[in-house]
N, C-alpha and C. Protein backbone atom coordinates (compact mmCIF):
# COMPACT_ATOMS: atom_id res chain seq x y z
N VAL A 1 108.86 78.11 105.99
CA VAL A 1 108.61 79.42 106.58
C VAL A 1 107.69 80.23 105.87
N GLN A 2 106.76 80.80 106.54
CA GLN A 2 105.67 81.64 105.90
C GLN A 2 105.62 82.92 106.76
N LEU A 3 105.30 84.05 106.09
CA LEU A 3 105.04 85.34 106.69
C LEU A 3 103.56 85.67 106.27
N GLN A 4 102.78 86.00 107.22
CA GLN A 4 101.43 86.39 106.90
C GLN A 4 101.13 87.76 107.39
N ALA A 5 100.95 88.67 106.44
CA ALA A 5 100.68 90.03 106.73
C ALA A 5 99.17 90.35 106.74
N SER A 6 98.76 91.26 107.54
CA SER A 6 97.44 91.75 107.42
C SER A 6 97.32 93.21 107.94
N GLY A 7 96.12 93.80 107.83
CA GLY A 7 95.90 95.10 108.38
C GLY A 7 95.84 96.19 107.52
N GLY A 8 96.03 95.98 106.20
CA GLY A 8 95.88 97.08 105.25
C GLY A 8 94.50 97.52 105.04
N GLY A 9 94.23 98.56 104.25
CA GLY A 9 92.92 98.94 103.98
C GLY A 9 92.94 100.45 103.42
N LEU A 10 91.77 100.96 103.39
CA LEU A 10 91.52 102.34 102.86
C LEU A 10 91.29 103.27 104.08
N VAL A 11 92.02 104.36 104.04
CA VAL A 11 91.95 105.33 105.22
C VAL A 11 91.99 106.70 104.62
N GLN A 12 91.41 107.69 105.30
CA GLN A 12 91.50 109.03 104.91
C GLN A 12 92.87 109.68 105.28
N PRO A 13 93.34 110.72 104.61
CA PRO A 13 94.48 111.43 105.02
C PRO A 13 94.39 111.85 106.50
N GLY A 14 95.53 111.56 107.23
CA GLY A 14 95.47 111.88 108.70
C GLY A 14 95.03 110.69 109.52
N GLY A 15 94.54 109.60 108.96
CA GLY A 15 94.12 108.52 109.72
C GLY A 15 95.27 107.57 110.05
N SER A 16 94.89 106.47 110.72
CA SER A 16 95.85 105.47 111.20
C SER A 16 95.37 104.10 110.75
N LEU A 17 96.50 103.32 110.58
CA LEU A 17 96.27 101.84 110.33
C LEU A 17 97.45 101.13 111.09
N ARG A 18 97.09 99.88 111.31
CA ARG A 18 98.13 98.97 112.05
C ARG A 18 98.31 97.76 111.31
N LEU A 19 99.60 97.43 110.75
CA LEU A 19 99.78 96.36 109.93
C LEU A 19 100.38 95.28 110.96
N GLN A 20 100.10 94.00 110.67
CA GLN A 20 100.59 92.88 111.54
C GLN A 20 101.11 91.87 110.61
N CYS A 21 102.25 91.23 111.09
CA CYS A 21 102.86 90.11 110.32
C CYS A 21 103.32 88.96 111.23
N ALA A 22 103.02 87.79 111.01
CA ALA A 22 103.34 86.67 111.79
C ALA A 22 104.19 85.74 110.98
N ALA A 23 105.24 85.27 111.60
CA ALA A 23 106.11 84.17 110.95
C ALA A 23 105.72 82.85 111.55
N SER A 24 105.60 81.89 110.66
CA SER A 24 105.34 80.52 111.09
C SER A 24 106.39 79.60 110.60
N GLY A 25 106.60 78.55 111.43
CA GLY A 25 107.74 77.66 111.15
C GLY A 25 108.32 77.31 112.53
N SER A 26 108.85 76.09 112.63
CA SER A 26 109.48 75.64 113.89
C SER A 26 110.95 76.02 113.92
N GLY A 27 111.43 76.21 115.11
CA GLY A 27 112.88 76.45 115.31
C GLY A 27 113.48 77.66 114.63
N LEU A 28 112.60 78.66 114.38
CA LEU A 28 113.05 79.80 113.62
C LEU A 28 114.06 80.67 114.39
N ILE A 29 115.14 81.02 113.82
CA ILE A 29 116.08 82.11 114.32
C ILE A 29 115.81 83.28 113.52
N ILE A 30 115.27 84.32 113.98
CA ILE A 30 114.82 85.50 113.24
C ILE A 30 115.70 86.68 113.68
N PHE A 31 116.32 87.29 112.74
CA PHE A 31 117.09 88.55 112.93
C PHE A 31 116.29 89.76 112.72
N ASN A 32 116.65 90.56 111.74
CA ASN A 32 115.85 91.73 111.47
C ASN A 32 114.48 91.29 110.99
N MET A 33 113.41 92.17 111.38
CA MET A 33 112.11 92.01 110.80
C MET A 33 111.68 93.47 110.31
N GLY A 34 110.86 93.52 109.34
CA GLY A 34 110.49 94.88 108.92
C GLY A 34 109.43 94.98 107.84
N TRP A 35 109.29 96.13 107.38
CA TRP A 35 108.23 96.50 106.45
C TRP A 35 108.86 97.27 105.25
N TYR A 36 108.46 96.91 104.12
CA TYR A 36 108.81 97.62 102.88
C TYR A 36 107.51 97.89 102.12
N ARG A 37 107.63 98.84 101.26
CA ARG A 37 106.39 99.13 100.43
C ARG A 37 106.85 99.45 99.03
N GLN A 38 105.83 99.30 98.13
CA GLN A 38 105.96 99.52 96.74
C GLN A 38 104.81 100.14 96.12
N ALA A 39 104.91 101.35 95.63
CA ALA A 39 103.93 102.10 95.01
C ALA A 39 103.98 101.80 93.51
N PRO A 40 102.85 101.98 92.89
CA PRO A 40 102.87 101.70 91.34
C PRO A 40 103.87 102.45 90.60
N GLY A 41 104.74 101.72 89.81
CA GLY A 41 105.74 102.34 89.00
C GLY A 41 107.06 102.82 89.80
N GLN A 42 107.12 102.35 91.02
CA GLN A 42 108.21 102.68 91.86
C GLN A 42 108.86 101.44 92.38
N GLN A 43 110.07 101.60 92.73
CA GLN A 43 110.95 100.52 93.36
C GLN A 43 110.41 100.21 94.80
N ARG A 44 110.60 99.03 95.21
CA ARG A 44 110.30 98.73 96.71
C ARG A 44 111.32 99.51 97.54
N GLU A 45 110.78 100.02 98.57
CA GLU A 45 111.68 100.70 99.54
C GLU A 45 111.43 100.30 101.02
N MET A 46 112.47 100.38 101.80
CA MET A 46 112.37 99.99 103.13
C MET A 46 111.61 101.14 103.90
N VAL A 47 110.62 100.70 104.68
CA VAL A 47 109.83 101.56 105.49
C VAL A 47 110.42 101.72 106.94
N ALA A 48 110.48 100.56 107.52
CA ALA A 48 110.99 100.37 108.87
C ALA A 48 111.53 98.95 109.13
N LEU A 49 112.61 98.92 109.80
CA LEU A 49 113.29 97.63 110.26
C LEU A 49 113.38 97.68 111.79
N ILE A 50 113.39 96.45 112.39
CA ILE A 50 113.66 96.37 113.76
C ILE A 50 114.54 95.15 114.00
N SER A 51 115.52 95.34 114.78
CA SER A 51 116.49 94.24 115.10
C SER A 51 115.88 93.28 116.17
N SER A 52 116.53 92.22 116.35
CA SER A 52 116.04 91.23 117.31
C SER A 52 116.12 91.74 118.75
N THR A 53 116.97 92.76 118.95
CA THR A 53 117.03 93.44 120.29
C THR A 53 116.11 94.65 120.39
N GLY A 54 115.37 94.87 119.29
CA GLY A 54 114.36 96.00 119.39
C GLY A 54 114.80 97.31 118.89
N ARG A 55 115.93 97.40 118.19
CA ARG A 55 116.43 98.62 117.71
C ARG A 55 115.75 98.95 116.36
N PRO A 56 115.08 100.11 116.21
CA PRO A 56 114.43 100.45 114.99
C PRO A 56 115.19 101.29 113.95
N ASN A 57 114.73 101.23 112.84
CA ASN A 57 115.34 102.04 111.80
C ASN A 57 114.25 102.46 110.81
N TYR A 58 114.09 103.68 110.50
CA TYR A 58 112.97 104.19 109.70
C TYR A 58 113.32 104.97 108.45
N LEU A 59 112.55 104.83 107.38
CA LEU A 59 112.58 105.73 106.22
C LEU A 59 112.41 107.09 106.82
N ASP A 60 113.26 108.06 106.32
CA ASP A 60 113.08 109.45 106.88
C ASP A 60 111.71 110.03 106.77
N SER A 61 110.92 109.76 105.74
CA SER A 61 109.69 110.36 105.45
C SER A 61 108.60 109.82 106.43
N VAL A 62 108.89 108.67 107.09
CA VAL A 62 107.93 108.09 108.03
C VAL A 62 108.25 108.24 109.55
N ARG A 63 109.45 108.64 109.76
CA ARG A 63 109.96 108.82 111.03
C ARG A 63 109.12 109.76 111.84
N GLY A 64 108.56 109.46 112.99
CA GLY A 64 107.80 110.29 113.83
C GLY A 64 106.25 110.03 113.61
N ARG A 65 105.96 109.33 112.45
CA ARG A 65 104.57 108.95 112.18
C ARG A 65 104.32 107.48 112.36
N PHE A 66 105.37 106.63 111.95
CA PHE A 66 105.15 105.18 112.05
C PHE A 66 106.04 104.68 113.18
N THR A 67 105.56 103.63 113.79
CA THR A 67 106.24 102.97 114.87
C THR A 67 106.21 101.40 114.64
N ILE A 68 107.39 100.82 114.59
CA ILE A 68 107.59 99.48 114.37
C ILE A 68 107.84 98.81 115.79
N SER A 69 107.28 97.66 115.95
CA SER A 69 107.42 96.81 117.15
C SER A 69 107.41 95.34 116.80
N ARG A 70 107.93 94.53 117.75
CA ARG A 70 107.92 93.13 117.46
C ARG A 70 107.85 92.35 118.87
N ASP A 71 107.38 91.14 118.70
CA ASP A 71 107.37 90.22 119.81
C ASP A 71 108.13 89.02 119.35
N ASN A 72 109.31 88.75 119.98
CA ASN A 72 110.13 87.67 119.58
C ASN A 72 109.55 86.30 119.82
N ALA A 73 108.87 86.13 120.98
CA ALA A 73 108.28 84.92 121.41
C ALA A 73 107.10 84.54 120.53
N LYS A 74 106.38 85.48 119.95
CA LYS A 74 105.22 85.26 119.07
C LYS A 74 105.62 85.31 117.62
N LYS A 75 106.88 85.70 117.40
CA LYS A 75 107.42 85.80 116.01
C LYS A 75 106.45 86.73 115.16
N MET A 76 106.19 87.81 115.81
CA MET A 76 105.38 88.83 115.08
C MET A 76 105.97 90.21 115.09
N VAL A 77 105.63 90.96 114.03
CA VAL A 77 106.18 92.31 113.99
C VAL A 77 104.83 93.14 113.49
N TRP A 78 104.78 94.44 114.03
CA TRP A 78 103.75 95.34 113.73
C TRP A 78 104.25 96.66 113.19
N LEU A 79 103.33 97.33 112.45
CA LEU A 79 103.73 98.65 112.01
C LEU A 79 102.57 99.59 112.27
N GLN A 80 102.69 100.39 113.30
CA GLN A 80 101.68 101.40 113.60
C GLN A 80 101.85 102.62 112.71
N MET A 81 100.92 102.95 111.87
CA MET A 81 101.03 104.10 110.92
C MET A 81 100.03 105.16 111.38
N ASN A 82 100.55 106.32 111.70
CA ASN A 82 99.66 107.43 112.06
C ASN A 82 99.85 108.59 111.08
N SER A 83 98.93 109.47 111.14
CA SER A 83 99.14 110.68 110.22
C SER A 83 99.37 110.34 108.75
N LEU A 84 98.68 109.39 108.27
CA LEU A 84 98.98 108.86 106.91
C LEU A 84 98.66 109.84 105.90
N GLN A 85 99.45 109.82 104.87
CA GLN A 85 99.33 110.76 103.81
C GLN A 85 99.14 110.09 102.54
N SER A 86 98.71 110.58 101.44
CA SER A 86 98.47 109.96 100.19
C SER A 86 99.82 109.40 99.71
N GLU A 87 100.92 109.99 99.93
CA GLU A 87 102.22 109.40 99.57
C GLU A 87 102.58 108.11 100.19
N ASP A 88 101.82 107.71 101.26
CA ASP A 88 102.00 106.49 101.95
C ASP A 88 101.36 105.33 101.10
N THR A 89 100.52 105.58 100.18
CA THR A 89 99.78 104.61 99.49
C THR A 89 100.67 103.64 98.74
N ALA A 90 100.54 102.36 99.00
CA ALA A 90 101.36 101.34 98.44
C ALA A 90 101.04 99.93 98.91
N VAL A 91 101.67 98.94 98.39
CA VAL A 91 101.51 97.65 98.79
C VAL A 91 102.66 97.50 99.78
N TYR A 92 102.30 97.03 101.03
CA TYR A 92 103.22 96.96 102.12
C TYR A 92 103.59 95.38 102.32
N TYR A 93 104.86 95.16 102.37
CA TYR A 93 105.33 93.75 102.52
C TYR A 93 106.12 93.63 103.82
N CYS A 94 105.86 92.61 104.59
CA CYS A 94 106.64 92.38 105.77
C CYS A 94 107.83 91.43 105.20
N SER A 95 108.95 91.53 106.02
CA SER A 95 110.11 90.80 105.73
C SER A 95 110.76 90.28 107.02
N ALA A 96 111.49 89.22 106.91
CA ALA A 96 112.27 88.73 108.08
C ALA A 96 113.49 88.06 107.59
N GLU A 97 114.56 88.29 108.28
CA GLU A 97 115.88 87.57 108.09
C GLU A 97 115.84 86.40 108.94
N ILE A 98 115.84 85.17 108.28
CA ILE A 98 115.69 83.97 109.12
C ILE A 98 116.78 82.97 108.95
N GLY A 99 117.26 82.34 109.99
CA GLY A 99 118.29 81.36 109.92
C GLY A 99 119.70 81.94 109.99
N LEU A 100 120.58 81.05 110.21
CA LEU A 100 122.03 81.55 110.38
C LEU A 100 122.55 82.19 109.06
N ALA A 101 122.03 81.77 107.92
CA ALA A 101 122.34 82.36 106.67
C ALA A 101 121.61 83.71 106.38
N ARG A 102 120.70 84.00 107.27
CA ARG A 102 120.01 85.29 107.34
C ARG A 102 119.33 85.48 105.94
N ILE A 103 118.63 84.43 105.48
CA ILE A 103 117.80 84.56 104.27
C ILE A 103 116.65 85.45 104.51
N ASN A 104 116.38 86.33 103.55
CA ASN A 104 115.26 87.28 103.74
C ASN A 104 113.95 86.61 103.01
N TYR A 105 112.97 86.55 103.92
CA TYR A 105 111.62 86.05 103.52
C TYR A 105 110.67 87.11 103.40
N TRP A 106 109.66 86.97 102.51
CA TRP A 106 108.71 88.08 102.36
C TRP A 106 107.30 87.60 102.54
N GLY A 107 106.53 88.40 103.08
CA GLY A 107 104.99 88.17 103.15
C GLY A 107 104.38 88.43 101.85
N GLN A 108 103.11 88.31 101.78
CA GLN A 108 102.35 88.38 100.51
C GLN A 108 101.98 89.82 100.11
N GLY A 109 102.15 90.79 101.04
CA GLY A 109 101.78 92.13 100.68
C GLY A 109 100.37 92.40 101.11
N THR A 110 100.20 93.64 101.61
CA THR A 110 98.86 94.12 101.93
C THR A 110 98.71 95.65 101.46
N GLN A 111 97.61 95.88 100.81
CA GLN A 111 97.42 97.12 100.22
C GLN A 111 97.05 98.22 101.34
N VAL A 112 97.71 99.39 101.26
CA VAL A 112 97.38 100.55 102.03
C VAL A 112 97.03 101.65 101.11
N THR A 113 95.77 102.13 101.10
CA THR A 113 95.33 103.23 100.27
C THR A 113 94.99 104.43 101.22
N VAL A 114 95.58 105.56 100.96
CA VAL A 114 95.21 106.78 101.72
C VAL A 114 94.61 107.78 100.76
N SER A 115 93.36 107.95 100.91
CA SER A 115 92.50 108.79 99.98
C SER A 115 91.27 109.33 100.61
N SER A 116 90.91 110.56 100.27
CA SER A 116 89.72 111.13 100.77
C SER A 116 88.46 110.75 99.85
């Protein structure tokens, strides 16, 4: 099982970015998918999760600015980030609970930098 994330970059405050993550592997049973982030010197925190039925859950500070979505057939998850703020600067990791044991897998991380 591999998770491949992409879409990070440098953006000015108020700008937008869209992160993408694809899971690869055959016969995958995928439960929750989501995005976490870790800023320098801080613990990793959950940004957004989405269940296999499409129910989202957001970190309070991103609710209304970020939107998570997924395509079960393509085994992909996206994070649309609007109105980005400097506080959103971090390495973003995608995650997926896979298999009946619901083991959490992680992507490699993609850097998001919000700066003028």
